[in-house]
Amino acid sequence: MQKSELLKIIASMKKADERLYFPDGDEAAFWRKVRESPMYGDEIAELRAAGQAHRDTPIPELTYSLFTSFAKTGSRLEYERVYFQRRQILNTAVLLSLLEPEQEEHLKLVCEILWSVCGEYTWCLPAHLSETGLMETIDLFSAETGFALSEIRCLLGDRLPSLLQGRVKDEVYMRLLAPYLTSGPYHWEIVAQHGSAVCAGSIGAAALLLVKDKETLTDILMKVESGLERYLQGFGDDGACLVGLDYWNDDFSYFVYYADLLRRRSRGMLDWFQLKKVSSMAKLQQECMLGGKSTAHFSGPQQTGDVFLGLSHYLATEYPDLEAPAVLSTTRYTNDHFSYWAPALRNLVWRRAEEELQEWATLSQYLPDVQHLL
């Protein structure tokens, strides 16, 4: 697509606000349904338990000794344990604030943890950094953090103090959007590898939620669209991901999150879901599940796996030949080691009640490009 064509579409886009996310654009009605429906009972109980645990302990700090532990010892665990714990505190506080807006303590914790995340030395993991170019580095976790903060800012709106709204916007611009436009190309832009769709999709989604200047948004989305085209080139027409379902969950899910926001904001004029290859890629999850939680892992390390329920229901709605999975095969909120915000939200927002107890049907499928029979 030519820049002039994209600029014209962007000029007519829908407003970026909470109405992009909820049925009929009614956020209050959706969260009321979640509170009242037995279907969400387990999720609400898990969220409240996590929220109580976080209220009883202070926000852990990412100290100098933690940050430098990887360079000194080669161990990633010490820093990353705290990093992902902070993300879970953020996710839990925001979801509870949306679920129970009358409870002031939820929003108070949201403000504290948002301010703390904005003040981190870097949103990247130390293991992903070089000794130079810190402020220009973008890894999949810094991109995901920028997307998460942009979306949280959008969903909470004016419930967030203007100081925090402004700081989130400034930090995302400084850490993601500005270097993305001026410091690339990044390695994940050049090759279709793990994290490429997470990075590009997260940056594109953050831009769709934050950037008001039409020229700037056009420049960012031109790069994102090119990067995602390269990501798709890494797949054959059968849509198979050789490294298995765990990487599909990460990469393809963030492709879908971006593509959904893009289609909604563009009023359907920009629609990745119409591509046949995307349809084939969407089917891979169902094809890889061998029964229970056993998966066809190809060259990847995982022999079992969970699914993101919201993503699965979304894809089943988009493609009628797909089926949504049974609830028992889905990822529990507190079992997500990386504490990703986007699937945590969409496991609630995209869930379909009528699919709750369905099992995937037995099928056989040959994937010619990777020469696997499932």
Protein backbone atom coordinates (compact mmCIF):
# COMPACT_ATOMS: atom_id res chain seq x y z
CA MET A 1 0.00 0.00 0.00
CA GLN A 2 1.24 3.46 -0.87
CA LYS A 3 1.74 5.99 1.91
CA SER A 4 -0.87 8.31 0.41
CA GLU A 5 -3.48 5.52 0.50
CA LEU A 6 -2.75 4.68 4.12
CA LEU A 7 -2.77 8.35 5.11
CA LYS A 8 -6.24 8.72 3.60
CA ILE A 9 -7.55 5.75 5.60
CA ILE A 10 -5.95 7.02 8.81
CA ALA A 11 -7.61 10.40 8.31
CA SER A 12 -11.03 8.69 8.56
CA MET A 13 -10.27 6.32 11.45
CA LYS A 14 -12.51 5.82 14.45
CA LYS A 15 -11.51 7.47 17.70
CA ALA A 16 -9.15 5.42 19.86
CA ASP A 17 -11.09 4.88 23.09
CA GLU A 18 -12.64 2.11 25.19
CA ARG A 19 -15.51 1.63 22.72
CA LEU A 20 -13.11 -0.31 20.49
CA TYR A 21 -13.11 -3.17 22.99
CA PHE A 22 -16.61 -3.91 24.22
CA PRO A 23 -19.89 -5.14 22.70
CA ASP A 24 -21.88 -2.12 21.56
CA GLY A 25 -19.08 0.02 22.98
CA ASP A 26 -20.60 -0.27 26.48
CA GLU A 27 -17.74 -0.83 28.92
CA ALA A 28 -19.86 -0.56 32.08
CA ALA A 29 -22.37 -3.15 30.82
CA PHE A 30 -19.59 -5.60 29.99
CA TRP A 31 -17.94 -5.47 33.41
CA ARG A 32 -21.35 -5.71 35.08
CA LYS A 33 -21.94 -8.93 33.12
CA VAL A 34 -18.56 -10.27 34.21
CA ARG A 35 -19.37 -9.56 37.86
CA GLU A 36 -22.79 -11.20 37.63
CA SER A 37 -22.20 -14.18 35.33
CA PRO A 38 -21.24 -17.57 36.86
CA MET A 39 -19.16 -18.17 33.72
CA TYR A 40 -16.47 -15.81 35.04
CA GLY A 41 -16.60 -17.03 38.64
CA ASP A 42 -13.24 -18.82 38.65
CA GLU A 43 -11.46 -15.93 36.91
CA ILE A 44 -12.87 -13.36 39.34
CA ALA A 45 -11.91 -15.46 42.35
CA GLU A 46 -8.37 -15.86 41.00
CA LEU A 47 -8.05 -12.13 40.33
CA ARG A 48 -9.30 -11.20 43.79
CA ALA A 49 -6.93 -13.66 45.44
CA ALA A 50 -4.01 -12.25 43.47
CA GLY A 51 -5.11 -8.73 44.34
CA GLN A 52 -5.23 -9.53 48.04
CA ALA A 53 -1.74 -11.05 47.90
CA HIS A 54 -0.36 -7.96 46.17
CA ARG A 55 -1.98 -5.58 48.68
CA ASP A 56 -0.23 -7.38 51.52
CA THR A 57 3.28 -6.81 50.11
CA PRO A 58 5.11 -3.72 48.80
CA ILE A 59 5.89 -3.35 45.10
CA PRO A 60 9.27 -5.07 44.59
CA GLU A 61 12.06 -2.90 43.23
CA LEU A 62 14.33 -3.65 40.26
CA THR A 63 17.54 -2.85 42.05
CA TYR A 64 21.03 -2.27 40.69
CA SER A 65 22.21 -5.64 41.97
CA LEU A 66 19.32 -7.39 40.23
CA PHE A 67 19.92 -5.49 37.00
CA THR A 68 23.64 -6.35 36.94
CA SER A 69 23.28 -9.97 38.02
CA PHE A 70 23.07 -11.25 34.45
CA ALA A 71 26.29 -9.48 33.40
CA LYS A 72 28.08 -10.81 36.50
CA THR A 73 26.77 -14.39 36.67
CA GLY A 74 24.92 -15.12 33.44
CA SER A 75 21.77 -15.85 35.43
CA ARG A 76 18.54 -14.29 34.16
CA LEU A 77 16.27 -15.57 36.92
CA GLU A 78 16.89 -13.03 39.69
CA TYR A 79 15.97 -9.94 37.66
CA GLU A 80 13.24 -11.52 35.57
CA ARG A 81 11.39 -12.95 38.57
CA VAL A 82 10.87 -9.45 39.93
CA TYR A 83 10.26 -7.91 36.50
CA PHE A 84 7.38 -10.29 35.76
CA GLN A 85 6.02 -10.04 39.30
CA ARG A 86 5.71 -6.28 38.77
CA ARG A 87 3.79 -6.91 35.53
CA GLN A 88 1.38 -9.20 37.33
CA ILE A 89 0.80 -6.58 40.02
CA LEU A 90 0.01 -4.06 37.27
CA ASN A 91 -2.32 -6.41 35.38
CA THR A 92 -4.18 -7.49 38.50
CA ALA A 93 -4.67 -3.96 39.81
CA VAL A 94 -5.98 -2.72 36.45
CA LEU A 95 -8.35 -5.64 35.90
CA LEU A 96 -9.74 -5.29 39.42
CA SER A 97 -10.09 -1.54 38.91
CA LEU A 98 -12.15 -2.22 35.78
CA LEU A 99 -14.15 -4.96 37.47
CA GLU A 100 -14.77 -3.10 40.74
CA PRO A 101 -14.49 0.63 39.93
CA GLU A 102 -16.05 1.59 43.25
CA GLN A 103 -13.08 0.13 45.16
CA GLU A 104 -10.65 3.04 45.50
CA GLU A 105 -7.72 0.86 46.62
CA HIS A 106 -7.52 -0.76 43.18
CA LEU A 107 -6.96 2.54 41.37
CA LYS A 108 -4.54 3.68 44.05
CA LEU A 109 -2.35 0.63 43.39
CA VAL A 110 -2.72 1.13 39.62
CA CYS A 111 -1.28 4.63 39.97
CA GLU A 112 1.63 3.45 42.12
CA ILE A 113 2.65 0.54 39.90
CA LEU A 114 2.18 2.54 36.68
CA TRP A 115 4.46 5.26 38.04
CA SER A 116 6.97 2.64 39.09
CA VAL A 117 6.99 0.89 35.68
CA CYS A 118 7.37 4.25 33.95
CA GLY A 119 10.44 4.84 36.10
CA GLU A 120 12.23 1.59 35.23
CA TYR A 121 15.73 2.08 33.81
CA THR A 122 14.66 0.08 30.78
CA TRP A 123 11.64 -2.03 29.85
CA CYS A 124 13.98 -4.54 28.18
CA LEU A 125 15.41 -7.57 29.93
CA PRO A 126 19.15 -7.29 30.74
CA ALA A 127 19.84 -10.47 28.77
CA HIS A 128 18.54 -8.69 25.64
CA LEU A 129 20.71 -5.59 25.98
CA SER A 130 24.07 -4.70 24.51
CA GLU A 131 26.52 -2.37 26.26
CA THR A 132 25.63 0.52 23.96
CA GLY A 133 22.43 1.96 22.59
CA LEU A 134 20.30 1.24 25.66
CA MET A 135 17.65 3.85 24.88
CA GLU A 136 17.40 2.69 21.28
CA THR A 137 16.97 -1.01 22.12
CA ILE A 138 13.54 -2.59 21.70
CA ASP A 139 12.98 -6.19 22.70
CA LEU A 140 9.72 -8.11 22.83
CA PHE A 141 9.15 -7.30 26.52
CA SER A 142 9.72 -3.57 26.15
CA ALA A 143 7.33 -3.57 23.18
CA GLU A 144 4.75 -5.55 25.14
CA THR A 145 5.08 -3.18 28.10
CA GLY A 146 4.50 -0.17 25.86
CA PHE A 147 1.41 -1.78 24.35
CA ALA A 148 0.11 -2.71 27.82
CA LEU A 149 0.56 0.80 29.22
CA SER A 150 -1.05 2.38 26.15
CA GLU A 151 -4.05 0.09 26.41
CA ILE A 152 -4.42 0.59 30.16
CA ARG A 153 -4.33 4.35 29.63
CA CYS A 154 -7.06 4.00 27.00
CA LEU A 155 -9.31 1.77 29.10
CA LEU A 156 -9.05 3.73 32.35
CA GLY A 157 -9.27 7.08 30.59
CA ASP A 158 -9.91 10.02 32.87
CA ARG A 159 -9.96 7.78 35.94
CA LEU A 160 -6.18 8.09 35.67
CA PRO A 161 -4.74 11.42 36.86
CA SER A 162 -3.64 13.63 33.98
CA LEU A 163 -0.06 13.47 35.25
CA LEU A 164 -0.01 9.68 34.79
CA GLN A 165 -1.78 9.84 31.44
CA GLY A 166 0.87 12.24 30.20
CA ARG A 167 3.77 10.27 31.62
CA VAL A 168 2.61 6.99 30.07
CA LYS A 169 2.31 8.68 26.69
CA ASP A 170 5.72 10.33 26.99
CA GLU A 171 7.47 7.12 28.08
CA VAL A 172 5.96 5.05 25.28
CA TYR A 173 6.98 7.67 22.73
CA MET A 174 10.52 7.91 24.12
CA ARG A 175 11.14 4.18 24.63
CA LEU A 176 9.28 2.71 21.64
CA LEU A 177 7.78 4.95 18.99
CA ALA A 178 10.61 7.45 18.49
CA PRO A 179 13.45 4.88 18.33
CA TYR A 180 11.31 2.63 16.11
CA LEU A 181 11.11 5.42 13.55
CA THR A 182 14.71 6.62 13.84
CA SER A 183 16.99 3.84 15.08
CA GLY A 184 16.12 0.73 13.08
CA PRO A 185 16.03 -1.55 11.38
CA TYR A 186 15.97 -3.92 14.34
CA HIS A 187 16.95 -7.56 14.03
CA TRP A 188 13.35 -8.65 14.52
CA GLU A 189 12.34 -6.45 11.57
CA ILE A 190 14.81 -8.14 9.23
CA VAL A 191 14.12 -11.83 9.89
CA ALA A 192 10.92 -13.67 10.69
CA GLN A 193 11.83 -15.04 14.10
CA HIS A 194 10.36 -15.49 17.57
CA GLY A 195 9.30 -12.11 18.86
CA SER A 196 9.02 -10.37 15.50
CA ALA A 197 5.22 -10.18 15.57
CA VAL A 198 5.19 -9.37 19.29
CA CYS A 199 7.48 -6.38 18.71
CA ALA A 200 5.89 -5.06 15.54
CA GLY A 201 2.33 -5.82 16.64
CA SER A 202 2.80 -4.22 20.07
CA ILE A 203 4.37 -1.08 18.60
CA GLY A 204 1.61 -0.81 16.02
CA ALA A 205 -1.08 -1.27 18.65
CA ALA A 206 0.51 1.32 20.94
CA ALA A 207 0.66 3.77 18.04
CA LEU A 208 -3.00 3.14 17.19
CA LEU A 209 -3.93 3.98 20.78
CA LEU A 210 -1.62 6.96 21.38
CA VAL A 211 -0.59 8.77 18.19
CA LYS A 212 -2.89 11.54 17.04
CA ASP A 213 -0.69 13.10 14.35
CA LYS A 214 -1.80 11.47 11.09
CA GLU A 215 1.57 11.71 9.35
CA THR A 216 3.43 10.16 12.28
CA LEU A 217 0.88 7.37 12.64
CA THR A 218 1.13 6.69 8.91
CA ASP A 219 4.94 6.42 9.10
CA ILE A 220 4.75 4.02 12.04
CA LEU A 221 2.06 1.82 10.50
CA MET A 222 3.91 1.67 7.18
CA LYS A 223 6.86 0.13 9.03
CA VAL A 224 4.65 -2.17 11.09
CA GLU A 225 2.78 -3.44 8.06
CA SER A 226 6.06 -4.14 6.26
CA GLY A 227 7.41 -5.99 9.29
CA LEU A 228 4.31 -8.13 9.62
CA GLU A 229 4.41 -8.99 5.93
CA ARG A 230 7.93 -10.28 6.55
CA TYR A 231 6.66 -12.22 9.57
CA LEU A 232 4.04 -13.93 7.40
CA GLN A 233 6.70 -14.80 4.84
CA GLY A 234 8.25 -17.04 7.48
CA PHE A 235 5.28 -19.39 7.17
CA GLY A 236 4.29 -21.67 4.34
CA ASP A 237 0.80 -21.73 2.92
CA ASP A 238 -0.11 -24.46 5.42
CA GLY A 239 0.39 -21.96 8.25
CA ALA A 240 2.61 -24.28 10.31
CA CYS A 241 4.96 -22.94 12.98
CA LEU A 242 7.86 -25.37 13.33
CA VAL A 243 8.80 -24.32 16.84
CA GLY A 244 5.41 -25.27 18.17
CA LEU A 245 2.36 -23.99 19.96
CA ASP A 246 4.10 -22.01 22.70
CA TYR A 247 5.74 -19.69 20.14
CA TRP A 248 2.50 -19.55 18.13
CA ASN A 249 0.74 -18.37 21.30
CA ASP A 250 3.20 -15.49 21.62
CA ASP A 251 3.80 -14.37 18.06
CA PHE A 252 0.50 -15.03 16.33
CA SER A 253 -1.54 -13.77 19.27
CA TYR A 254 0.13 -10.34 19.10
CA PHE A 255 -0.34 -10.30 15.35
CA VAL A 256 -4.06 -10.83 16.02
CA TYR A 257 -4.24 -8.16 18.75
CA TYR A 258 -2.76 -5.59 16.39
CA ALA A 259 -4.83 -6.71 13.39
CA ASP A 260 -8.03 -6.49 15.42
CA LEU A 261 -7.33 -2.93 16.61
CA LEU A 262 -6.28 -1.92 13.11
CA ARG A 263 -9.48 -3.28 11.57
CA ARG A 264 -11.66 -1.66 14.22
CA ARG A 265 -10.00 1.76 13.96
CA SER A 266 -9.92 1.66 10.14
CA ARG A 267 -13.62 0.70 9.94
CA GLY A 268 -12.71 -2.55 8.19
CA MET A 269 -10.64 -0.94 5.44
CA LEU A 270 -7.41 -2.55 6.70
CA ASP A 271 -8.07 -6.23 7.32
CA TRP A 272 -5.31 -8.83 7.70
CA PHE A 273 -7.85 -11.54 8.46
CA GLN A 274 -8.90 -11.74 4.81
CA LEU A 275 -5.55 -13.29 3.83
CA LYS A 276 -5.69 -17.04 3.19
CA LYS A 277 -2.35 -17.59 4.93
CA VAL A 278 -3.64 -15.90 8.09
CA SER A 279 -6.63 -18.23 8.01
CA SER A 280 -4.27 -21.22 7.77
CA MET A 281 -2.14 -19.92 10.64
CA ALA A 282 -5.23 -19.51 12.79
CA LYS A 283 -5.98 -23.23 12.44
CA LEU A 284 -2.59 -24.38 13.73
CA GLN A 285 -3.57 -24.35 17.39
CA GLN A 286 -6.43 -26.78 16.83
CA GLU A 287 -4.26 -28.95 14.60
CA CYS A 288 -1.43 -29.12 17.17
CA MET A 289 -3.52 -30.19 20.15
CA LEU A 290 -3.30 -33.99 20.35
CA GLY A 291 -5.65 -34.54 23.25
CA GLY A 292 -5.82 -33.00 26.71
CA LYS A 293 -2.83 -30.67 26.93
CA SER A 294 -0.50 -32.74 24.73
CA THR A 295 0.76 -30.88 21.67
CA ALA A 296 2.68 -31.56 18.49
CA HIS A 297 5.82 -29.61 19.35
CA PHE A 298 7.89 -30.14 16.15
CA SER A 299 11.35 -28.71 16.90
CA GLY A 300 10.22 -26.79 19.99
CA PRO A 301 10.82 -27.91 23.57
CA GLN A 302 7.24 -28.02 24.85
CA GLN A 303 5.27 -31.29 24.65
CA THR A 304 2.26 -29.88 26.47
CA GLY A 305 0.55 -26.54 26.27
CA ASP A 306 -2.40 -24.36 27.21
CA VAL A 307 -4.39 -22.04 25.00
CA PHE A 308 -5.49 -18.44 25.43
CA LEU A 309 -9.27 -18.77 25.66
CA GLY A 310 -10.07 -15.28 24.43
CA LEU A 311 -7.82 -15.61 21.39
CA SER A 312 -9.28 -19.02 20.55
CA HIS A 313 -12.85 -17.76 20.78
CA TYR A 314 -11.99 -14.71 18.67
CA LEU A 315 -10.50 -16.88 15.93
CA ALA A 316 -13.45 -19.28 16.07
CA THR A 317 -15.75 -16.31 15.51
CA GLU A 318 -13.60 -15.02 12.66
CA TYR A 319 -13.25 -18.37 10.87
CA PRO A 320 -16.38 -20.58 10.96
CA ASP A 321 -14.40 -23.78 10.29
CA LEU A 322 -12.53 -23.37 13.58
CA GLU A 323 -13.78 -24.58 16.94
CA ALA A 324 -13.22 -23.00 20.33
CA PRO A 325 -11.44 -25.15 22.93
CA ALA A 326 -12.73 -26.57 26.19
CA VAL A 327 -12.12 -24.39 29.24
CA LEU A 328 -9.96 -27.07 30.89
CA SER A 329 -7.23 -26.64 28.26
CA THR A 330 -6.84 -22.91 28.81
CA THR A 331 -4.13 -20.93 30.58
CA ARG A 332 -4.96 -19.80 34.10
CA TYR A 333 -4.30 -16.14 34.82
CA THR A 334 -1.66 -16.71 37.49
CA ASN A 335 0.07 -19.45 35.47
CA ASP A 336 1.26 -17.04 32.79
CA HIS A 337 4.96 -16.86 33.63
CA PHE A 338 5.44 -13.66 31.61
CA SER A 339 2.32 -11.91 32.96
CA TYR A 340 1.27 -10.62 29.55
CA TRP A 341 -1.40 -7.93 29.74
CA ALA A 342 -3.01 -8.34 26.31
CA PRO A 343 -4.16 -11.97 26.63
CA ALA A 344 -5.20 -11.43 30.27
CA LEU A 345 -7.64 -8.73 29.16
CA ARG A 346 -8.85 -10.61 26.09
CA ASN A 347 -9.42 -13.85 27.96
CA LEU A 348 -12.28 -11.91 29.52
CA VAL A 349 -13.35 -9.57 26.72
CA TRP A 350 -13.28 -12.11 23.87
CA ARG A 351 -14.73 -15.08 25.73
CA ARG A 352 -17.89 -16.64 24.25
CA ALA A 353 -20.29 -18.30 26.67
CA GLU A 354 -21.77 -20.78 24.22
CA GLU A 355 -18.38 -22.35 23.57
CA GLU A 356 -17.45 -22.94 27.21
CA LEU A 357 -17.82 -26.74 27.38
CA GLN A 358 -17.02 -27.79 23.82
CA GLU A 359 -14.20 -30.20 23.12
CA TRP A 360 -12.20 -30.00 19.92
CA ALA A 361 -13.26 -32.64 17.43
CA THR A 362 -10.86 -35.40 16.36
CA LEU A 363 -9.26 -34.74 12.97
CA SER A 364 -6.29 -35.67 10.81
CA GLN A 365 -4.39 -33.00 8.94
CA TYR A 366 -1.38 -33.07 6.62
CA LEU A 367 0.78 -29.94 6.57
CA PRO A 368 2.65 -30.15 3.27
CA ASP A 369 5.13 -27.31 3.76
CA VAL A 370 6.56 -28.83 6.95
CA GLN A 371 5.69 -32.40 5.90
CA HIS A 372 3.91 -33.33 9.13
CA LEU A 373 0.82 -35.50 9.50
CA LEU A 374 -1.20 -34.66 12.60
